[in-house]
Amino acid sequence: MSKIVEISSYFPSKSNFKKSATTVICQEHQILVDYLTQYAYKHSNEGLYKTYTFLTSKEAIAAYISFSITNIEGSDAKSYLDVPIGLNYPIPALKITRLLTSDEYTNLGIATRLLFLADILAFLLSNQIGCKAIVVDAKKDAVSFYERNGFDMLNNEDDTTETLLMIKKVDTLKEYGEELSTVLNQFIDFCDDYKLRLFKPFLEAMK
């Protein structure tokens, strides 16, 4: 059965992880492969950028996603998130720092499932410490993928940049209203499906 794991808690050592990570191949984005094999375990272990991998039933790494905490500013972000323009503080957000699917596993919906993990993490952060959005610096060839998963471009005036800032609003418990129970059940089912036992108690406590 497939599962999603945080690498520094699942793999007993960097060498164990690196042995698995060397099977990940992406001809188009080698720099993302290099991050996984060279830095991801160390950064996760040090609490800098947490990386989660999607493992197949044969324990092969099919894809990964990395997260960090960030903040965003500016009137465009405040308007998009329905935050008062006069707020004098930056807006807390969850940032997707990297997302990659190995060439062998593309077009199977795995990256979309990792974005659902981002939804769960952002939801928990929103209700534990504060988080108004998920953000990502999307490569131009990935913009349509993120748009299909609920992200919007915050601004796209500069066509010379290699990436575009995209954003997805995180709803609070109150904003979900009557849909909250359905959403929580979806999150809990996802945790069961992919063995994400760490998050399940927090989600169940909100029901």
N, C-alpha and C. Protein backbone atom coordinates (compact mmCIF):
# COMPACT_ATOMS: atom_id res chain seq x y z
N MET A 1 0.83 -1.20 0.00
CA MET A 1 0.00 0.00 0.00
C MET A 1 0.87 1.25 0.00
N SER A 2 0.48 2.25 -0.77
CA SER A 2 1.23 3.51 -0.82
C SER A 2 1.09 4.26 0.49
N LYS A 3 2.09 5.09 0.79
CA LYS A 3 2.03 5.92 1.99
C LYS A 3 2.84 7.20 1.79
N ILE A 4 2.56 8.16 2.63
CA ILE A 4 3.28 9.44 2.60
C ILE A 4 4.02 9.57 3.92
N VAL A 5 5.32 9.81 3.85
CA VAL A 5 6.14 9.83 5.06
C VAL A 5 7.02 11.08 5.11
N GLU A 6 7.25 11.56 6.33
CA GLU A 6 8.22 12.63 6.54
C GLU A 6 9.59 11.95 6.66
N ILE A 7 10.53 12.36 5.85
CA ILE A 7 11.72 11.54 5.62
C ILE A 7 12.62 11.39 6.85
N SER A 8 12.78 12.43 7.67
CA SER A 8 13.71 12.32 8.79
C SER A 8 13.16 11.45 9.91
N SER A 9 11.84 11.24 9.95
CA SER A 9 11.27 10.37 10.97
C SER A 9 11.06 8.95 10.44
N TYR A 10 11.03 8.77 9.13
CA TYR A 10 10.77 7.45 8.55
C TYR A 10 12.05 6.68 8.24
N PHE A 11 13.00 7.36 7.63
CA PHE A 11 14.26 6.70 7.26
C PHE A 11 15.24 6.79 8.43
N PRO A 12 15.86 5.68 8.83
CA PRO A 12 16.70 5.69 10.03
C PRO A 12 17.99 6.50 9.91
N SER A 13 18.45 6.73 8.69
CA SER A 13 19.68 7.50 8.51
C SER A 13 19.68 8.13 7.13
N LYS A 14 20.58 9.10 6.97
CA LYS A 14 20.71 9.77 5.68
C LYS A 14 21.12 8.79 4.59
N SER A 15 21.98 7.85 4.93
CA SER A 15 22.43 6.87 3.93
C SER A 15 21.28 5.98 3.46
N ASN A 16 20.40 5.58 4.39
CA ASN A 16 19.23 4.80 4.01
C ASN A 16 18.33 5.58 3.07
N PHE A 17 18.13 6.86 3.43
CA PHE A 17 17.28 7.70 2.59
C PHE A 17 17.90 7.92 1.22
N LYS A 18 19.18 8.22 1.19
CA LYS A 18 19.84 8.53 -0.07
C LYS A 18 19.79 7.33 -1.02
N LYS A 19 19.88 6.14 -0.47
CA LYS A 19 19.80 4.94 -1.30
C LYS A 19 18.45 4.87 -2.01
N SER A 20 17.38 5.24 -1.30
CA SER A 20 16.05 5.26 -1.91
C SER A 20 15.89 6.43 -2.88
N ALA A 21 16.44 7.58 -2.50
CA ALA A 21 16.26 8.79 -3.30
C ALA A 21 16.97 8.74 -4.64
N THR A 22 18.02 7.94 -4.75
CA THR A 22 18.76 7.88 -6.00
C THR A 22 17.95 7.27 -7.14
N THR A 23 16.82 6.65 -6.84
CA THR A 23 15.97 6.10 -7.90
C THR A 23 15.06 7.15 -8.52
N VAL A 24 15.01 8.35 -7.92
CA VAL A 24 14.16 9.43 -8.45
C VAL A 24 14.84 10.07 -9.65
N ILE A 25 14.13 10.16 -10.74
CA ILE A 25 14.68 10.72 -11.99
C ILE A 25 13.70 11.74 -12.55
N CYS A 26 14.23 12.91 -12.90
CA CYS A 26 13.43 13.91 -13.60
C CYS A 26 14.35 14.64 -14.58
N GLN A 27 14.22 14.32 -15.84
CA GLN A 27 15.10 14.89 -16.85
C GLN A 27 14.94 16.41 -16.95
N GLU A 28 13.73 16.88 -16.70
CA GLU A 28 13.45 18.31 -16.92
C GLU A 28 13.87 19.19 -15.75
N HIS A 29 13.86 18.64 -14.54
CA HIS A 29 14.14 19.45 -13.36
C HIS A 29 15.18 18.76 -12.48
N GLN A 30 16.38 18.63 -12.99
CA GLN A 30 17.45 17.95 -12.26
C GLN A 30 17.77 18.65 -10.95
N ILE A 31 17.61 19.95 -10.90
CA ILE A 31 17.93 20.70 -9.68
C ILE A 31 17.05 20.26 -8.52
N LEU A 32 15.81 19.85 -8.82
CA LEU A 32 14.92 19.37 -7.76
C LEU A 32 15.32 17.96 -7.31
N VAL A 33 15.82 17.17 -8.23
CA VAL A 33 16.35 15.85 -7.87
C VAL A 33 17.59 16.01 -6.99
N ASP A 34 18.45 16.94 -7.36
CA ASP A 34 19.68 17.18 -6.59
C ASP A 34 19.35 17.60 -5.16
N TYR A 35 18.33 18.44 -5.00
CA TYR A 35 17.96 18.85 -3.65
C TYR A 35 17.54 17.64 -2.82
N LEU A 36 16.73 16.78 -3.42
CA LEU A 36 16.26 15.61 -2.70
C LEU A 36 17.41 14.72 -2.25
N THR A 37 18.33 14.44 -3.14
CA THR A 37 19.40 13.50 -2.83
C THR A 37 20.50 14.10 -1.96
N GLN A 38 20.69 15.42 -2.03
CA GLN A 38 21.83 16.03 -1.34
C GLN A 38 21.47 16.77 -0.05
N TYR A 39 20.30 17.39 0.00
CA TYR A 39 20.02 18.30 1.10
C TYR A 39 18.74 18.00 1.89
N ALA A 40 17.78 17.33 1.29
CA ALA A 40 16.45 17.21 1.89
C ALA A 40 16.49 16.55 3.27
N TYR A 41 17.24 15.46 3.40
CA TYR A 41 17.26 14.74 4.68
C TYR A 41 17.88 15.61 5.78
N LYS A 42 18.98 16.26 5.46
CA LYS A 42 19.66 17.12 6.44
C LYS A 42 18.74 18.26 6.86
N HIS A 43 18.09 18.90 5.89
CA HIS A 43 17.20 20.02 6.21
C HIS A 43 16.01 19.58 7.03
N SER A 44 15.43 18.42 6.67
CA SER A 44 14.29 17.91 7.45
C SER A 44 14.72 17.56 8.87
N ASN A 45 15.86 16.94 8.99
CA ASN A 45 16.36 16.53 10.30
C ASN A 45 16.64 17.74 11.19
N GLU A 46 17.03 18.86 10.58
CA GLU A 46 17.34 20.07 11.33
C GLU A 46 16.12 20.98 11.51
N GLY A 47 14.98 20.57 10.98
CA GLY A 47 13.76 21.37 11.13
C GLY A 47 13.73 22.62 10.28
N LEU A 48 14.47 22.61 9.18
CA LEU A 48 14.50 23.78 8.30
C LEU A 48 13.37 23.72 7.27
N TYR A 49 13.40 22.70 6.43
CA TYR A 49 12.38 22.48 5.42
C TYR A 49 11.96 21.01 5.53
N LYS A 50 10.72 20.78 5.89
CA LYS A 50 10.26 19.41 6.06
C LYS A 50 9.86 18.82 4.71
N THR A 51 10.39 17.64 4.42
CA THR A 51 10.12 16.97 3.15
C THR A 51 9.33 15.69 3.39
N TYR A 52 8.28 15.52 2.60
CA TYR A 52 7.46 14.32 2.65
C TYR A 52 7.57 13.61 1.29
N THR A 53 7.74 12.30 1.34
CA THR A 53 7.81 11.53 0.10
C THR A 53 6.59 10.63 -0.02
N PHE A 54 6.19 10.43 -1.26
CA PHE A 54 5.13 9.48 -1.59
C PHE A 54 5.80 8.17 -1.93
N LEU A 55 5.58 7.16 -1.09
CA LEU A 55 6.19 5.85 -1.30
C LEU A 55 5.18 4.89 -1.92
N THR A 56 5.61 4.18 -2.93
CA THR A 56 4.76 3.16 -3.53
C THR A 56 4.68 1.93 -2.62
N SER A 57 3.87 0.97 -3.01
CA SER A 57 3.74 -0.26 -2.22
C SER A 57 5.07 -1.02 -2.14
N LYS A 58 5.98 -0.73 -3.07
CA LYS A 58 7.31 -1.37 -3.06
C LYS A 58 8.37 -0.48 -2.42
N GLU A 59 7.91 0.59 -1.71
CA GLU A 59 8.79 1.50 -0.99
C GLU A 59 9.66 2.35 -1.91
N ALA A 60 9.27 2.49 -3.16
CA ALA A 60 9.98 3.39 -4.08
C ALA A 60 9.46 4.81 -3.91
N ILE A 61 10.36 5.79 -3.97
CA ILE A 61 9.95 7.19 -3.88
C ILE A 61 9.41 7.63 -5.23
N ALA A 62 8.12 7.90 -5.29
CA ALA A 62 7.49 8.32 -6.54
C ALA A 62 7.47 9.83 -6.69
N ALA A 63 7.45 10.55 -5.56
CA ALA A 63 7.36 12.01 -5.60
C ALA A 63 7.71 12.56 -4.23
N TYR A 64 7.96 13.87 -4.18
CA TYR A 64 8.19 14.50 -2.88
C TYR A 64 7.68 15.93 -2.89
N ILE A 65 7.44 16.42 -1.67
CA ILE A 65 7.04 17.81 -1.49
C ILE A 65 7.76 18.33 -0.25
N SER A 66 8.24 19.57 -0.31
CA SER A 66 8.92 20.19 0.83
C SER A 66 8.16 21.45 1.25
N PHE A 67 8.17 21.71 2.56
CA PHE A 67 7.44 22.85 3.12
C PHE A 67 8.33 23.70 4.00
N SER A 68 7.94 24.97 4.12
CA SER A 68 8.50 25.85 5.13
C SER A 68 7.41 26.83 5.55
N ILE A 69 7.68 27.54 6.64
CA ILE A 69 6.80 28.61 7.08
C ILE A 69 7.30 29.92 6.47
N THR A 70 6.39 30.75 6.03
CA THR A 70 6.78 32.03 5.44
C THR A 70 5.74 33.08 5.80
N ASN A 71 5.92 34.27 5.29
CA ASN A 71 4.87 35.29 5.41
C ASN A 71 4.84 36.10 4.13
N ILE A 72 3.70 36.69 3.86
CA ILE A 72 3.52 37.48 2.65
C ILE A 72 2.98 38.84 3.03
N GLU A 73 3.26 39.80 2.17
CA GLU A 73 2.84 41.17 2.43
C GLU A 73 2.28 41.77 1.14
N GLY A 74 1.77 42.98 1.25
CA GLY A 74 1.30 43.70 0.07
C GLY A 74 -0.22 43.75 -0.03
N SER A 75 -0.71 44.78 -0.69
CA SER A 75 -2.15 44.99 -0.81
C SER A 75 -2.82 43.91 -1.65
N ASP A 76 -2.12 43.36 -2.66
CA ASP A 76 -2.70 42.30 -3.48
C ASP A 76 -3.02 41.07 -2.64
N ALA A 77 -2.06 40.68 -1.79
CA ALA A 77 -2.27 39.51 -0.93
C ALA A 77 -3.38 39.77 0.07
N LYS A 78 -3.39 40.94 0.65
CA LYS A 78 -4.43 41.26 1.64
C LYS A 78 -5.81 41.27 1.01
N SER A 79 -5.91 41.81 -0.19
CA SER A 79 -7.20 41.84 -0.88
C SER A 79 -7.65 40.42 -1.21
N TYR A 80 -6.76 39.60 -1.70
CA TYR A 80 -7.10 38.23 -2.07
C TYR A 80 -7.57 37.43 -0.87
N LEU A 81 -6.94 37.66 0.27
CA LEU A 81 -7.22 36.89 1.48
C LEU A 81 -8.26 37.55 2.38
N ASP A 82 -8.85 38.65 1.93
CA ASP A 82 -9.85 39.38 2.72
C ASP A 82 -9.29 39.84 4.06
N VAL A 83 -8.04 40.26 4.03
CA VAL A 83 -7.39 40.82 5.21
C VAL A 83 -7.43 42.34 5.10
N PRO A 84 -7.71 43.05 6.20
CA PRO A 84 -7.75 44.52 6.14
C PRO A 84 -6.48 45.11 5.54
N ILE A 85 -6.62 46.00 4.60
CA ILE A 85 -5.46 46.64 3.96
C ILE A 85 -4.58 47.34 4.97
N GLY A 86 -5.19 47.84 6.04
CA GLY A 86 -4.44 48.59 7.04
C GLY A 86 -3.66 47.74 8.02
N LEU A 87 -3.73 46.39 7.88
CA LEU A 87 -2.98 45.52 8.78
C LEU A 87 -1.49 45.81 8.65
N ASN A 88 -0.83 46.04 9.79
CA ASN A 88 0.58 46.43 9.76
C ASN A 88 1.54 45.27 9.93
N TYR A 89 1.02 44.06 9.84
CA TYR A 89 1.85 42.88 10.06
C TYR A 89 1.82 41.97 8.84
N PRO A 90 2.90 41.21 8.62
CA PRO A 90 2.89 40.26 7.50
C PRO A 90 1.89 39.14 7.77
N ILE A 91 1.45 38.49 6.69
CA ILE A 91 0.43 37.44 6.77
C ILE A 91 1.11 36.08 6.80
N PRO A 92 0.83 35.26 7.83
CA PRO A 92 1.47 33.94 7.91
C PRO A 92 0.95 32.99 6.83
N ALA A 93 1.86 32.19 6.29
CA ALA A 93 1.49 31.27 5.21
C ALA A 93 2.37 30.03 5.25
N LEU A 94 1.86 28.97 4.66
CA LEU A 94 2.64 27.75 4.43
C LEU A 94 3.19 27.81 3.02
N LYS A 95 4.48 27.59 2.88
CA LYS A 95 5.09 27.65 1.55
C LYS A 95 5.49 26.27 1.07
N ILE A 96 5.09 25.95 -0.15
CA ILE A 96 5.59 24.77 -0.83
C ILE A 96 6.90 25.17 -1.48
N THR A 97 8.00 24.67 -0.94
CA THR A 97 9.30 25.09 -1.47
C THR A 97 9.73 24.25 -2.67
N ARG A 98 9.29 22.99 -2.70
CA ARG A 98 9.62 22.12 -3.84
C ARG A 98 8.57 21.03 -3.97
N LEU A 99 8.29 20.67 -5.21
CA LEU A 99 7.36 19.58 -5.49
C LEU A 99 7.82 18.91 -6.78
N LEU A 100 8.00 17.60 -6.71
CA LEU A 100 8.54 16.88 -7.86
C LEU A 100 7.97 15.46 -7.92
N THR A 101 7.63 15.03 -9.13
CA THR A 101 7.25 13.64 -9.37
C THR A 101 8.32 13.01 -10.25
N SER A 102 8.77 11.83 -9.87
CA SER A 102 9.76 11.11 -10.68
C SER A 102 9.15 10.75 -12.03
N ASP A 103 9.96 10.79 -13.08
CA ASP A 103 9.46 10.60 -14.44
C ASP A 103 8.62 9.33 -14.60
N GLU A 104 8.97 8.30 -13.90
CA GLU A 104 8.27 7.02 -14.02
C GLU A 104 6.83 7.08 -13.51
N TYR A 105 6.54 8.09 -12.66
CA TYR A 105 5.23 8.13 -11.99
C TYR A 105 4.41 9.37 -12.35
N THR A 106 4.75 10.05 -13.42
CA THR A 106 3.98 11.23 -13.81
C THR A 106 2.60 10.83 -14.33
N ASN A 107 1.68 11.82 -14.26
CA ASN A 107 0.32 11.65 -14.77
C ASN A 107 -0.48 10.57 -14.05
N LEU A 108 -0.13 10.32 -12.80
CA LEU A 108 -0.88 9.35 -11.99
C LEU A 108 -1.63 10.03 -10.84
N GLY A 109 -1.57 11.36 -10.79
CA GLY A 109 -2.27 12.11 -9.75
C GLY A 109 -1.54 12.16 -8.42
N ILE A 110 -0.28 11.74 -8.39
CA ILE A 110 0.45 11.71 -7.13
C ILE A 110 0.74 13.12 -6.62
N ALA A 111 1.15 14.02 -7.50
CA ALA A 111 1.43 15.40 -7.09
C ALA A 111 0.18 16.07 -6.53
N THR A 112 -0.97 15.76 -7.10
CA THR A 112 -2.23 16.31 -6.60
C THR A 112 -2.49 15.83 -5.18
N ARG A 113 -2.17 14.58 -4.90
CA ARG A 113 -2.36 14.05 -3.55
C ARG A 113 -1.40 14.72 -2.56
N LEU A 114 -0.20 15.05 -3.01
CA LEU A 114 0.72 15.77 -2.13
C LEU A 114 0.23 17.19 -1.86
N LEU A 115 -0.45 17.79 -2.82
CA LEU A 115 -1.05 19.10 -2.57
C LEU A 115 -2.19 18.99 -1.56
N PHE A 116 -2.87 17.86 -1.54
CA PHE A 116 -3.91 17.66 -0.54
C PHE A 116 -3.29 17.59 0.85
N LEU A 117 -2.10 17.01 0.94
CA LEU A 117 -1.36 17.05 2.20
C LEU A 117 -1.09 18.49 2.61
N ALA A 118 -0.73 19.34 1.64
CA ALA A 118 -0.52 20.76 1.94
C ALA A 118 -1.79 21.39 2.50
N ASP A 119 -2.94 21.02 1.95
CA ASP A 119 -4.22 21.53 2.46
C ASP A 119 -4.40 21.15 3.93
N ILE A 120 -4.08 19.91 4.27
CA ILE A 120 -4.24 19.44 5.64
C ILE A 120 -3.29 20.19 6.58
N LEU A 121 -2.03 20.30 6.19
CA LEU A 121 -1.05 20.99 7.02
C LEU A 121 -1.44 22.45 7.25
N ALA A 122 -1.87 23.12 6.18
CA ALA A 122 -2.26 24.53 6.30
C ALA A 122 -3.49 24.68 7.18
N PHE A 123 -4.44 23.76 7.05
CA PHE A 123 -5.64 23.78 7.88
C PHE A 123 -5.26 23.64 9.36
N LEU A 124 -4.37 22.70 9.67
CA LEU A 124 -3.94 22.52 11.05
C LEU A 124 -3.20 23.74 11.57
N LEU A 125 -2.31 24.28 10.75
CA LEU A 125 -1.59 25.48 11.15
C LEU A 125 -2.53 26.64 11.39
N SER A 126 -3.53 26.77 10.53
CA SER A 126 -4.50 27.87 10.66
C SER A 126 -5.19 27.84 12.01
N ASN A 127 -5.50 26.64 12.46
CA ASN A 127 -6.27 26.50 13.69
C ASN A 127 -5.41 26.28 14.94
N GLN A 128 -4.10 26.15 14.75
CA GLN A 128 -3.20 25.99 15.88
C GLN A 128 -2.38 27.25 16.15
N ILE A 129 -1.82 27.84 15.09
CA ILE A 129 -0.94 29.00 15.31
C ILE A 129 -1.26 30.17 14.37
N GLY A 130 -2.03 29.93 13.31
CA GLY A 130 -2.34 30.97 12.34
C GLY A 130 -1.68 30.74 11.00
N CYS A 131 -2.49 30.67 9.96
CA CYS A 131 -1.99 30.47 8.59
C CYS A 131 -3.14 30.85 7.66
N LYS A 132 -2.92 31.84 6.81
CA LYS A 132 -4.00 32.33 5.96
C LYS A 132 -3.93 31.83 4.53
N ALA A 133 -2.78 31.22 4.15
CA ALA A 133 -2.64 30.85 2.73
C ALA A 133 -1.57 29.79 2.55
N ILE A 134 -1.64 29.13 1.41
CA ILE A 134 -0.56 28.29 0.91
C ILE A 134 0.03 29.03 -0.29
N VAL A 135 1.33 29.15 -0.35
CA VAL A 135 1.96 29.86 -1.47
C VAL A 135 3.03 28.99 -2.11
N VAL A 136 3.29 29.26 -3.37
CA VAL A 136 4.33 28.54 -4.09
C VAL A 136 4.88 29.42 -5.19
N ASP A 137 6.18 29.38 -5.39
CA ASP A 137 6.80 30.04 -6.55
C ASP A 137 6.79 29.01 -7.68
N ALA A 138 5.76 29.07 -8.49
CA ALA A 138 5.54 28.03 -9.50
C ALA A 138 6.34 28.29 -10.76
N LYS A 139 6.98 27.25 -11.25
CA LYS A 139 7.60 27.35 -12.57
C LYS A 139 6.49 27.50 -13.61
N LYS A 140 6.79 28.19 -14.69
CA LYS A 140 5.73 28.53 -15.65
C LYS A 140 5.05 27.31 -16.23
N ASP A 141 5.80 26.21 -16.39
CA ASP A 141 5.17 25.02 -16.94
C ASP A 141 4.28 24.30 -15.94
N ALA A 142 4.28 24.78 -14.67
CA ALA A 142 3.45 24.16 -13.64
C ALA A 142 2.25 25.01 -13.26
N VAL A 143 2.12 26.19 -13.84
CA VAL A 143 1.05 27.11 -13.47
C VAL A 143 -0.34 26.47 -13.64
N SER A 144 -0.58 25.82 -14.77
CA SER A 144 -1.90 25.23 -15.02
C SER A 144 -2.19 24.12 -14.01
N PHE A 145 -1.17 23.38 -13.61
CA PHE A 145 -1.35 22.33 -12.60
C PHE A 145 -1.83 22.93 -11.29
N TYR A 146 -1.17 23.99 -10.85
CA TYR A 146 -1.59 24.62 -9.60
C TYR A 146 -2.97 25.26 -9.73
N GLU A 147 -3.25 25.84 -10.86
CA GLU A 147 -4.58 26.42 -11.06
C GLU A 147 -5.67 25.36 -10.94
N ARG A 148 -5.44 24.19 -11.48
CA ARG A 148 -6.42 23.09 -11.37
C ARG A 148 -6.62 22.66 -9.92
N ASN A 149 -5.66 22.98 -9.08
CA ASN A 149 -5.75 22.59 -7.68
C ASN A 149 -6.06 23.77 -6.76
N GLY A 150 -6.67 24.79 -7.33
CA GLY A 150 -7.21 25.87 -6.51
C GLY A 150 -6.31 27.05 -6.25
N PHE A 151 -5.15 27.11 -6.88
CA PHE A 151 -4.24 28.24 -6.70
C PHE A 151 -4.53 29.32 -7.73
N ASP A 152 -4.23 30.55 -7.36
CA ASP A 152 -4.34 31.69 -8.27
C ASP A 152 -3.01 32.42 -8.31
N MET A 153 -2.73 33.08 -9.43
CA MET A 153 -1.54 33.93 -9.51
C MET A 153 -1.81 35.22 -8.78
N LEU A 154 -0.90 35.58 -7.88
CA LEU A 154 -1.09 36.80 -7.12
C LEU A 154 -0.78 38.02 -7.98
N ASN A 155 0.28 37.92 -8.76
CA ASN A 155 0.57 38.95 -9.76
C ASN A 155 1.45 38.31 -10.83
N ASN A 156 1.29 38.74 -12.04
CA ASN A 156 2.06 38.15 -13.14
C ASN A 156 2.50 39.20 -14.15
N GLU A 157 2.80 40.40 -13.61
CA GLU A 157 3.17 41.49 -14.50
C GLU A 157 4.56 41.29 -15.13
N ASP A 158 5.45 40.62 -14.41
CA ASP A 158 6.83 40.48 -14.88
C ASP A 158 7.01 39.16 -15.62
N ASP A 159 7.06 39.21 -16.93
CA ASP A 159 7.20 38.00 -17.74
C ASP A 159 8.64 37.49 -17.79
N THR A 160 9.57 38.23 -17.19
CA THR A 160 10.97 37.83 -17.26
C THR A 160 11.36 36.86 -16.14
N THR A 161 10.54 36.73 -15.12
CA THR A 161 10.87 35.86 -14.00
C THR A 161 10.66 34.40 -14.37
N GLU A 162 11.45 33.53 -13.76
CA GLU A 162 11.35 32.10 -14.03
C GLU A 162 10.18 31.46 -13.29
N THR A 163 9.76 32.07 -12.20
CA THR A 163 8.65 31.53 -11.42
C THR A 163 7.60 32.61 -11.19
N LEU A 164 6.40 32.16 -10.87
CA LEU A 164 5.28 33.06 -10.59
C LEU A 164 4.71 32.73 -9.22
N LEU A 165 4.46 33.74 -8.43
CA LEU A 165 3.91 33.54 -7.10
C LEU A 165 2.43 33.17 -7.22
N MET A 166 2.09 32.00 -6.66
CA MET A 166 0.70 31.54 -6.68
C MET A 166 0.25 31.33 -5.24
N ILE A 167 -1.05 31.46 -5.03
CA ILE A 167 -1.58 31.50 -3.67
C ILE A 167 -2.92 30.78 -3.61
N LYS A 168 -3.17 30.17 -2.46
CA LYS A 168 -4.44 29.51 -2.21
C LYS A 168 -4.89 29.86 -0.80
N LYS A 169 -6.08 30.35 -0.67
CA LYS A 169 -6.60 30.78 0.63
C LYS A 169 -6.88 29.56 1.52
N VAL A 170 -6.58 29.71 2.79
CA VAL A 170 -6.88 28.67 3.78
C VAL A 170 -8.10 29.12 4.58
N ASP A 171 -9.15 28.33 4.55
CA ASP A 171 -10.37 28.67 5.28
C ASP A 171 -10.26 28.28 6.74
N THR A 172 -10.88 29.07 7.59
CA THR A 172 -10.92 28.78 9.02
C THR A 172 -12.10 27.85 9.32
N LEU A 173 -12.15 27.36 10.55
CA LEU A 173 -13.27 26.52 10.96
C LEU A 173 -14.60 27.22 10.72
N LYS A 174 -14.66 28.49 11.07
CA LYS A 174 -15.89 29.26 10.92
C LYS A 174 -16.27 29.40 9.46
N GLU A 175 -15.30 29.61 8.60
CA GLU A 175 -15.59 29.82 7.18
C GLU A 175 -16.09 28.55 6.50
N TYR A 176 -15.70 27.37 6.99
CA TYR A 176 -16.20 26.13 6.41
C TYR A 176 -17.69 25.94 6.72
N GLY A 177 -18.13 26.44 7.85
CA GLY A 177 -19.54 26.35 8.19
C GLY A 177 -20.04 24.92 8.23
N GLU A 178 -21.16 24.67 7.58
CA GLU A 178 -21.77 23.34 7.60
C GLU A 178 -20.93 22.30 6.85
N GLU A 179 -20.00 22.73 6.04
CA GLU A 179 -19.16 21.80 5.29
C GLU A 179 -17.99 21.26 6.11
N LEU A 180 -17.81 21.80 7.32
CA LEU A 180 -16.65 21.43 8.12
C LEU A 180 -16.58 19.93 8.38
N SER A 181 -17.69 19.32 8.75
CA SER A 181 -17.68 17.89 9.05
C SER A 181 -17.24 17.07 7.84
N THR A 182 -17.72 17.44 6.66
CA THR A 182 -17.35 16.73 5.43
C THR A 182 -15.86 16.88 5.15
N VAL A 183 -15.36 18.10 5.30
CA VAL A 183 -13.94 18.36 5.05
C VAL A 183 -13.06 17.59 6.03
N LEU A 184 -13.43 17.60 7.29
CA LEU A 184 -12.65 16.87 8.30
C LEU A 184 -12.64 15.37 8.00
N ASN A 185 -13.76 14.84 7.58
CA ASN A 185 -13.81 13.42 7.22
C ASN A 185 -12.92 13.11 6.03
N GLN A 186 -12.87 14.02 5.06
CA GLN A 186 -11.99 13.84 3.91
C GLN A 186 -10.53 13.85 4.34
N PHE A 187 -10.18 14.78 5.22
CA PHE A 187 -8.81 14.86 5.72
C PHE A 187 -8.44 13.59 6.50
N ILE A 188 -9.34 13.14 7.35
CA ILE A 188 -9.08 11.95 8.16
C ILE A 188 -8.96 10.71 7.28
N ASP A 189 -9.84 10.59 6.30
CA ASP A 189 -9.76 9.44 5.37
C ASP A 189 -8.43 9.44 4.63
N PHE A 190 -7.97 10.62 4.23
CA PHE A 190 -6.69 10.73 3.54
C PHE A 190 -5.56 10.27 4.46
N CYS A 191 -5.60 10.69 5.72
CA CYS A 191 -4.58 10.27 6.67
C CYS A 191 -4.59 8.75 6.85
N ASP A 192 -5.76 8.17 6.88
CA ASP A 192 -5.85 6.71 6.99
C ASP A 192 -5.29 6.03 5.74
N ASP A 193 -5.64 6.57 4.58
CA ASP A 193 -5.21 5.96 3.32
C ASP A 193 -3.70 5.95 3.17
N TYR A 194 -3.04 7.02 3.67
CA TYR A 194 -1.60 7.15 3.44
C TYR A 194 -0.78 7.10 4.73
N LYS A 195 -1.37 6.52 5.78
CA LYS A 195 -0.66 6.23 7.02
C LYS A 195 -0.10 7.49 7.70
N LEU A 196 -0.83 8.58 7.61
CA LEU A 196 -0.40 9.83 8.24
C LEU A 196 -1.01 9.92 9.65
N ARG A 197 -0.54 9.07 10.53
CA ARG A 197 -1.13 8.94 11.85
C ARG A 197 -0.89 10.15 12.74
N LEU A 198 0.16 10.91 12.47
CA LEU A 198 0.51 12.05 13.31
C LEU A 198 -0.60 13.11 13.32
N PHE A 199 -1.24 13.32 12.17
CA PHE A 199 -2.21 14.42 12.06
C PHE A 199 -3.62 14.03 12.46
N LYS A 200 -3.93 12.76 12.42
CA LYS A 200 -5.31 12.31 12.63
C LYS A 200 -5.90 12.74 13.98
N PRO A 201 -5.18 12.60 15.11
CA PRO A 201 -5.78 13.02 16.39
C PRO A 201 -6.18 14.50 16.42
N PHE A 202 -5.38 15.35 15.80
CA PHE A 202 -5.71 16.77 15.79
C PHE A 202 -6.98 17.05 14.99
N LEU A 203 -7.13 16.34 13.88
CA LEU A 203 -8.30 16.50 13.03
C LEU A 203 -9.55 15.97 13.74
N GLU A 204 -9.42 14.82 14.38
CA GLU A 204 -10.56 14.24 15.07
C GLU A 204 -11.03 15.12 16.23
N ALA A 205 -10.09 15.84 16.84
CA ALA A 205 -10.44 16.71 17.97
C ALA A 205 -11.29 17.90 17.52
N MET A 206 -11.26 18.21 16.24
CA MET A 206 -12.04 19.35 15.72
C MET A 206 -13.45 18.97 15.33
N LYS A 207 -13.78 17.69 15.33
CA LYS A 207 -15.10 17.25 14.90
C LYS A 207 -16.16 17.57 15.97
